[in-house]
Protein backbone atom coordinates (compact mmCIF):
# COMPACT_ATOMS: atom_id res chain seq x y z
CA MET A 1 11.64 23.69 -23.08
CA ILE A 2 8.47 21.49 -22.96
CA LYS A 3 7.70 19.09 -25.26
CA ASN A 4 4.23 17.68 -24.28
CA ARG A 5 2.17 17.45 -21.24
CA GLN A 6 1.08 14.39 -19.17
CA TYR A 7 -0.55 14.31 -15.75
CA LEU A 8 1.63 11.90 -14.00
CA SER A 9 0.84 9.33 -10.40
CA MET A 10 3.07 10.59 -7.59
CA ALA A 11 4.07 6.46 -8.16
CA GLU A 12 5.34 7.68 -11.91
CA VAL A 13 6.55 11.04 -11.08
CA GLN A 14 8.83 8.86 -8.46
CA GLU A 15 10.23 6.52 -10.87
CA PHE A 16 11.23 9.53 -13.33
CA LEU A 17 12.41 11.10 -9.91
CA ASP A 18 14.82 7.77 -9.61
CA LEU A 19 15.67 7.64 -12.98
CA LYS A 20 17.32 11.43 -13.08
CA SER A 21 19.41 10.39 -9.28
CA ASP A 22 21.06 13.88 -9.01
CA HIS A 23 18.36 15.69 -9.15
CA GLY A 24 15.12 15.93 -7.15
CA LYS A 25 16.76 14.12 -4.11
CA GLU A 26 14.67 15.80 -1.32
CA MET A 27 11.03 15.50 -3.67
CA SER A 28 12.04 12.06 -4.46
CA LEU A 29 11.83 11.69 -0.31
CA PHE A 30 8.53 13.70 -0.10
CA ILE A 31 7.23 11.84 -2.58
CA LYS A 32 7.98 8.16 -1.17
CA LYS A 33 6.65 9.29 1.98
CA PHE A 34 2.55 9.55 0.06
CA THR A 35 3.36 6.48 -2.37
CA LYS A 36 1.04 3.80 -2.51
CA LEU A 37 2.01 2.00 -5.18
CA THR A 38 5.22 0.87 -7.11
CA ALA A 39 5.29 2.94 -10.32
CA LYS A 40 4.85 -0.54 -12.50
CA GLU A 41 1.18 -0.57 -10.06
CA ALA A 42 0.37 2.44 -11.20
CA LYS A 43 0.59 2.08 -14.73
CA GLU A 44 -1.11 -1.10 -14.85
CA LEU A 45 -4.05 0.97 -12.60
CA ARG A 46 -3.64 3.74 -15.18
CA LYS A 47 -4.57 1.52 -17.58
CA LYS A 48 -7.31 -0.71 -15.94
CA LEU A 49 -9.28 2.43 -15.39
CA GLU A 50 -8.78 3.78 -18.25
CA GLU A 51 -10.17 0.64 -20.42
CA LEU A 52 -13.37 1.23 -18.02
CA ASN A 53 -14.16 3.53 -21.19
CA MET A 54 -15.90 6.08 -19.35
CA ALA A 55 -17.01 9.73 -20.57
CA LYS A 56 -16.35 11.06 -17.32
CA MET A 57 -12.83 9.64 -16.78
CA LYS A 58 -10.29 12.63 -17.73
CA GLU A 59 -6.86 12.12 -17.43
CA GLU A 60 -6.43 13.78 -14.20
CA TYR A 61 -9.05 11.83 -12.42
CA VAL A 62 -7.44 8.73 -13.04
CA VAL A 63 -4.25 10.19 -11.51
CA LYS A 64 -5.76 11.25 -8.59
CA ILE A 65 -7.62 8.13 -7.84
CA ILE A 66 -4.40 6.50 -8.19
CA ASP A 67 -2.63 8.01 -5.78
CA VAL A 68 -5.79 8.41 -3.40
CA LEU A 69 -7.00 4.68 -4.26
CA PRO A 70 -10.37 5.85 -2.57
CA ASP A 71 -11.81 3.32 -0.68
CA SER A 72 -15.75 4.63 -0.70
CA VAL A 73 -18.15 6.22 -2.87
CA GLN A 74 -17.47 9.51 -0.70
CA GLU A 75 -13.90 9.28 -1.47
CA LEU A 76 -14.07 9.03 -4.80
CA ASN A 77 -16.40 11.62 -5.73
CA LYS A 78 -14.12 13.94 -3.52
CA VAL A 79 -11.52 13.09 -7.04
CA PHE A 80 -14.67 13.28 -8.99
CA GLN A 81 -15.00 17.13 -8.50
CA GLY A 82 -17.96 19.07 -10.53
CA ALA A 83 -18.38 15.69 -12.16
CA SER A 84 -21.30 13.60 -10.52
CA LEU A 85 -21.02 9.41 -11.48
CA GLU A 86 -23.86 7.32 -11.66
CA GLU A 87 -23.71 4.22 -8.32
CA ASN A 88 -22.15 1.65 -11.34
CA GLU A 89 -19.62 4.31 -12.65
CA SER A 90 -18.77 4.25 -9.22
CA ASN A 91 -18.59 0.70 -8.15
CA LYS A 92 -16.70 -0.37 -11.41
CA ILE A 93 -14.03 2.14 -10.42
CA LEU A 94 -13.69 1.23 -6.66
CA GLU A 95 -14.06 -2.45 -7.94
CA THR A 96 -10.78 -1.79 -9.90
CA VAL A 97 -8.63 0.41 -7.11
CA LYS A 98 -9.43 -2.67 -4.76
CA GLN A 99 -7.31 -4.98 -6.43
CA TYR A 100 -4.33 -2.43 -6.00
CA LYS A 101 -5.01 -2.33 -1.98
């Protein structure tokens, strides 16, 4: 039964799978290959991105930013498909992400 719906970064999924060590070992190995941050770092970055208080910053965008860690405006725009960012918004996001590279 689904109690609530929350978007999770791959690092947060990895943390969850590690807690449930009997389940998802194959999935855990797959996620480890592509996860760039620890769960702690992902949660910190999530908080910082949410603190930017941008109307366009939906939860699913935050999670994708954490997973991809974009380096450029072009990469960031791919995350925000269907929503355009102002230059200052893009710069704020990229500066925040840069702290975790």
